[in-house]
Amino acid sequence: MRRRARPPKDPETVGSTIPRVLAELGLRGAVEALRVAECWPEAVGAEAARHTEPAAVHGDVLEVEVDSSVWAQHLQLRHDEILAALRERLGAGAPASLRIHVG
């Protein structure tokens, strides 16, 4: 008996595949951190993005790693502005708070 061939699927991009696979593995926070990382330079500015990195998302809290205490203070002072910029870019799924640590 001959098997029917499945119709070929359209190829997926790596960028669309990684978030889906991470979610399936129970790594939702990593998926959210990837979403934030994509728009991070626009949200914080190019200079701040060179010294900071969205590390993880736990619930609605974004953990941000910075390379010095000066940049930690800078982000803390811009906390509300950064969250508003992320909401503008990510919509309802944007983080509601930042947790900043020197890494």
N, C-alpha and C. Protein backbone atom coordinates (compact mmCIF):
# COMPACT_ATOMS: atom_id res chain seq x y z
N MET A 1 0.84 -1.17 0.00
CA MET A 1 0.00 0.00 0.00
C MET A 1 0.89 1.25 0.00
N ARG A 2 0.58 2.17 -0.81
CA ARG A 2 1.39 3.37 -0.97
C ARG A 2 0.88 4.48 -0.06
N ARG A 3 1.80 5.14 0.64
CA ARG A 3 1.44 6.24 1.53
C ARG A 3 1.28 7.53 0.74
N ARG A 4 0.36 8.30 1.19
CA ARG A 4 0.18 9.62 0.56
C ARG A 4 1.27 10.55 1.04
N ALA A 5 1.79 11.29 0.14
CA ALA A 5 2.80 12.29 0.51
C ALA A 5 2.10 13.50 1.11
N ARG A 6 2.69 14.01 2.18
CA ARG A 6 2.14 15.23 2.78
C ARG A 6 2.49 16.42 1.91
N PRO A 7 1.60 17.37 1.84
CA PRO A 7 1.95 18.58 1.08
C PRO A 7 3.09 19.29 1.79
N PRO A 8 4.02 19.85 1.06
CA PRO A 8 5.15 20.53 1.70
C PRO A 8 4.68 21.75 2.47
N LYS A 9 5.30 21.96 3.63
CA LYS A 9 4.99 23.13 4.44
C LYS A 9 5.88 24.28 4.00
N ASP A 10 5.39 25.47 4.22
CA ASP A 10 6.23 26.63 3.97
C ASP A 10 7.35 26.63 5.01
N PRO A 11 8.55 26.99 4.62
CA PRO A 11 9.65 27.00 5.59
C PRO A 11 9.42 28.08 6.65
N GLU A 12 9.88 27.79 7.87
CA GLU A 12 9.78 28.75 8.96
C GLU A 12 11.12 29.44 9.15
N THR A 13 11.08 30.67 9.57
CA THR A 13 12.33 31.36 9.88
C THR A 13 12.77 30.96 11.28
N VAL A 14 14.05 31.06 11.52
CA VAL A 14 14.58 30.73 12.85
C VAL A 14 13.97 31.68 13.88
N GLY A 15 13.81 32.93 13.50
CA GLY A 15 13.25 33.91 14.43
C GLY A 15 11.85 33.59 14.88
N SER A 16 11.07 32.92 14.06
CA SER A 16 9.72 32.55 14.47
C SER A 16 9.70 31.19 15.15
N THR A 17 10.69 30.37 14.88
CA THR A 17 10.75 29.03 15.45
C THR A 17 11.24 29.04 16.89
N ILE A 18 12.27 29.81 17.19
CA ILE A 18 12.87 29.81 18.53
C ILE A 18 11.85 30.15 19.61
N PRO A 19 11.07 31.24 19.50
CA PRO A 19 10.10 31.52 20.56
C PRO A 19 9.08 30.38 20.76
N ARG A 20 8.65 29.77 19.68
CA ARG A 20 7.68 28.68 19.79
C ARG A 20 8.29 27.49 20.52
N VAL A 21 9.52 27.12 20.18
CA VAL A 21 10.18 25.99 20.83
C VAL A 21 10.43 26.27 22.31
N LEU A 22 10.89 27.48 22.63
CA LEU A 22 11.12 27.83 24.03
C LEU A 22 9.83 27.77 24.83
N ALA A 23 8.74 28.25 24.26
CA ALA A 23 7.45 28.18 24.95
C ALA A 23 7.03 26.74 25.18
N GLU A 24 7.24 25.88 24.18
CA GLU A 24 6.90 24.47 24.33
C GLU A 24 7.73 23.80 25.40
N LEU A 25 8.95 24.28 25.63
CA LEU A 25 9.82 23.72 26.66
C LEU A 25 9.55 24.33 28.04
N GLY A 26 8.57 25.20 28.13
CA GLY A 26 8.25 25.82 29.41
C GLY A 26 9.14 26.99 29.76
N LEU A 27 9.74 27.60 28.78
CA LEU A 27 10.65 28.71 29.01
C LEU A 27 10.01 30.02 28.55
N ARG A 28 8.80 30.25 28.99
CA ARG A 28 8.03 31.44 28.60
C ARG A 28 8.81 32.72 28.90
N GLY A 29 9.50 32.78 30.05
CA GLY A 29 10.26 33.98 30.40
C GLY A 29 11.35 34.28 29.39
N ALA A 30 11.96 33.23 28.85
CA ALA A 30 12.99 33.43 27.83
C ALA A 30 12.38 33.98 26.55
N VAL A 31 11.19 33.50 26.22
CA VAL A 31 10.49 34.01 25.03
C VAL A 31 10.20 35.50 25.20
N GLU A 32 9.71 35.86 26.37
CA GLU A 32 9.39 37.26 26.62
C GLU A 32 10.65 38.12 26.61
N ALA A 33 11.75 37.59 27.15
CA ALA A 33 13.01 38.34 27.14
C ALA A 33 13.50 38.56 25.70
N LEU A 34 13.29 37.57 24.84
CA LEU A 34 13.65 37.74 23.42
C LEU A 34 12.82 38.83 22.77
N ARG A 35 11.53 38.86 23.08
CA ARG A 35 10.66 39.91 22.53
C ARG A 35 11.14 41.29 22.97
N VAL A 36 11.49 41.40 24.26
CA VAL A 36 11.97 42.68 24.78
C VAL A 36 13.31 43.03 24.13
N ALA A 37 14.20 42.06 24.01
CA ALA A 37 15.53 42.31 23.44
C ALA A 37 15.45 42.87 22.02
N GLU A 38 14.45 42.44 21.27
CA GLU A 38 14.30 42.93 19.90
C GLU A 38 14.05 44.43 19.83
N CYS A 39 13.35 44.97 20.81
CA CYS A 39 13.04 46.40 20.77
C CYS A 39 13.80 47.20 21.83
N TRP A 40 14.66 46.55 22.59
CA TRP A 40 15.38 47.20 23.69
C TRP A 40 16.17 48.43 23.24
N PRO A 41 16.98 48.37 22.18
CA PRO A 41 17.74 49.57 21.79
C PRO A 41 16.83 50.75 21.46
N GLU A 42 15.70 50.50 20.86
CA GLU A 42 14.77 51.60 20.56
C GLU A 42 14.14 52.14 21.82
N ALA A 43 13.88 51.27 22.80
CA ALA A 43 13.21 51.69 24.03
C ALA A 43 14.12 52.48 24.95
N VAL A 44 15.41 52.10 25.03
CA VAL A 44 16.32 52.76 25.97
C VAL A 44 17.33 53.68 25.31
N GLY A 45 17.48 53.56 24.00
CA GLY A 45 18.48 54.35 23.30
C GLY A 45 19.74 53.52 23.06
N ALA A 46 20.46 53.86 22.01
CA ALA A 46 21.62 53.08 21.59
C ALA A 46 22.72 53.03 22.64
N GLU A 47 23.00 54.16 23.27
CA GLU A 47 24.08 54.20 24.27
C GLU A 47 23.74 53.32 25.47
N ALA A 48 22.55 53.45 26.00
CA ALA A 48 22.14 52.64 27.15
C ALA A 48 22.09 51.15 26.77
N ALA A 49 21.68 50.85 25.56
CA ALA A 49 21.59 49.45 25.11
C ALA A 49 22.97 48.79 25.08
N ARG A 50 24.02 49.57 24.86
CA ARG A 50 25.37 49.00 24.84
C ARG A 50 25.83 48.58 26.24
N HIS A 51 25.21 49.13 27.28
CA HIS A 51 25.63 48.87 28.66
C HIS A 51 24.61 48.05 29.44
N THR A 52 23.52 47.70 28.80
CA THR A 52 22.43 47.01 29.50
C THR A 52 21.91 45.86 28.64
N GLU A 53 21.26 44.90 29.30
CA GLU A 53 20.72 43.77 28.55
C GLU A 53 19.51 43.20 29.29
N PRO A 54 18.39 43.05 28.59
CA PRO A 54 17.25 42.36 29.21
C PRO A 54 17.62 40.90 29.39
N ALA A 55 17.60 40.41 30.63
CA ALA A 55 18.09 39.07 30.93
C ALA A 55 16.97 38.03 31.00
N ALA A 56 15.85 38.39 31.62
CA ALA A 56 14.76 37.43 31.79
C ALA A 56 13.49 38.18 32.15
N VAL A 57 12.38 37.50 31.98
CA VAL A 57 11.09 38.04 32.40
C VAL A 57 10.46 37.02 33.34
N HIS A 58 10.08 37.48 34.52
CA HIS A 58 9.41 36.63 35.50
C HIS A 58 8.06 37.28 35.80
N GLY A 59 7.00 36.67 35.29
CA GLY A 59 5.69 37.29 35.42
C GLY A 59 5.67 38.57 34.60
N ASP A 60 5.46 39.68 35.28
CA ASP A 60 5.48 40.96 34.56
C ASP A 60 6.69 41.81 34.93
N VAL A 61 7.72 41.16 35.50
CA VAL A 61 8.94 41.86 35.91
C VAL A 61 10.07 41.52 34.94
N LEU A 62 10.65 42.55 34.36
CA LEU A 62 11.79 42.40 33.47
C LEU A 62 13.06 42.56 34.27
N GLU A 63 13.92 41.55 34.25
CA GLU A 63 15.23 41.64 34.88
C GLU A 63 16.21 42.17 33.86
N VAL A 64 16.92 43.21 34.24
CA VAL A 64 17.87 43.85 33.35
C VAL A 64 19.25 43.79 33.99
N GLU A 65 20.21 43.33 33.22
CA GLU A 65 21.60 43.29 33.67
C GLU A 65 22.32 44.50 33.10
N VAL A 66 23.07 45.19 33.95
CA VAL A 66 23.83 46.37 33.52
C VAL A 66 25.30 46.14 33.83
N ASP A 67 26.18 46.89 33.16
CA ASP A 67 27.61 46.65 33.37
C ASP A 67 28.24 47.52 34.45
N SER A 68 27.47 48.42 35.05
CA SER A 68 28.00 49.23 36.15
C SER A 68 26.86 49.82 36.97
N SER A 69 27.21 50.26 38.16
CA SER A 69 26.19 50.87 39.03
C SER A 69 25.69 52.19 38.45
N VAL A 70 26.53 52.86 37.66
CA VAL A 70 26.12 54.11 37.02
C VAL A 70 24.95 53.84 36.08
N TRP A 71 25.05 52.75 35.28
CA TRP A 71 23.97 52.42 34.35
C TRP A 71 22.74 51.89 35.09
N ALA A 72 22.94 51.26 36.23
CA ALA A 72 21.80 50.83 37.04
C ALA A 72 21.01 52.05 37.51
N GLN A 73 21.72 53.05 37.99
CA GLN A 73 21.06 54.28 38.43
C GLN A 73 20.38 54.99 37.26
N HIS A 74 21.04 55.02 36.11
CA HIS A 74 20.47 55.65 34.93
C HIS A 74 19.14 55.01 34.55
N LEU A 75 19.11 53.68 34.52
CA LEU A 75 17.85 52.99 34.19
C LEU A 75 16.80 53.21 35.26
N GLN A 76 17.22 53.21 36.52
CA GLN A 76 16.26 53.43 37.60
C GLN A 76 15.60 54.81 37.47
N LEU A 77 16.38 55.80 37.12
CA LEU A 77 15.83 57.15 36.95
C LEU A 77 14.88 57.22 35.75
N ARG A 78 15.09 56.37 34.75
CA ARG A 78 14.25 56.35 33.55
C ARG A 78 13.21 55.23 33.57
N HIS A 79 13.02 54.62 34.71
CA HIS A 79 12.14 53.46 34.88
C HIS A 79 10.79 53.62 34.18
N ASP A 80 10.06 54.66 34.52
CA ASP A 80 8.72 54.88 33.95
C ASP A 80 8.77 55.12 32.44
N GLU A 81 9.75 55.88 32.00
CA GLU A 81 9.92 56.17 30.58
C GLU A 81 10.21 54.88 29.79
N ILE A 82 11.07 54.04 30.32
CA ILE A 82 11.42 52.78 29.65
C ILE A 82 10.21 51.86 29.58
N LEU A 83 9.47 51.74 30.67
CA LEU A 83 8.29 50.88 30.66
C LEU A 83 7.24 51.39 29.67
N ALA A 84 7.08 52.70 29.57
CA ALA A 84 6.14 53.27 28.60
C ALA A 84 6.59 52.96 27.17
N ALA A 85 7.89 53.06 26.91
CA ALA A 85 8.41 52.76 25.57
C ALA A 85 8.21 51.28 25.24
N LEU A 86 8.39 50.40 26.21
CA LEU A 86 8.17 48.97 25.98
C LEU A 86 6.69 48.67 25.74
N ARG A 87 5.80 49.33 26.49
CA ARG A 87 4.36 49.15 26.28
C ARG A 87 3.96 49.59 24.88
N GLU A 88 4.54 50.69 24.42
CA GLU A 88 4.24 51.20 23.08
C GLU A 88 4.65 50.18 22.01
N ARG A 89 5.76 49.51 22.22
CA ARG A 89 6.27 48.57 21.23
C ARG A 89 5.70 47.16 21.37
N LEU A 90 5.43 46.73 22.61
CA LEU A 90 5.00 45.35 22.85
C LEU A 90 3.52 45.19 23.18
N GLY A 91 2.87 46.28 23.46
CA GLY A 91 1.45 46.20 23.79
C GLY A 91 1.20 45.65 25.17
N ALA A 92 0.08 44.95 25.32
CA ALA A 92 -0.37 44.47 26.62
C ALA A 92 0.61 43.48 27.26
N GLY A 93 1.42 42.81 26.47
CA GLY A 93 2.37 41.84 27.02
C GLY A 93 3.65 42.44 27.54
N ALA A 94 3.74 43.75 27.60
CA ALA A 94 4.97 44.42 28.04
C ALA A 94 5.15 44.24 29.55
N PRO A 95 6.39 44.24 30.01
CA PRO A 95 6.63 44.16 31.45
C PRO A 95 6.04 45.38 32.17
N ALA A 96 5.66 45.17 33.43
CA ALA A 96 5.10 46.25 34.23
C ALA A 96 6.11 46.84 35.20
N SER A 97 7.25 46.17 35.35
CA SER A 97 8.25 46.62 36.30
C SER A 97 9.63 46.16 35.85
N LEU A 98 10.67 46.88 36.33
CA LEU A 98 12.04 46.52 36.04
C LEU A 98 12.75 46.12 37.33
N ARG A 99 13.57 45.09 37.25
CA ARG A 99 14.48 44.72 38.34
C ARG A 99 15.87 44.81 37.73
N ILE A 100 16.67 45.74 38.25
CA ILE A 100 17.96 46.04 37.65
C ILE A 100 19.07 45.54 38.57
N HIS A 101 20.05 44.84 37.98
CA HIS A 101 21.19 44.38 38.77
C HIS A 101 22.48 44.49 37.94
N VAL A 102 23.57 44.74 38.66
CA VAL A 102 24.87 44.85 38.02
C VAL A 102 25.38 43.42 37.79
N GLY A 103 25.82 43.14 36.56
CA GLY A 103 26.23 41.78 36.25
C GLY A 103 27.62 41.63 35.80
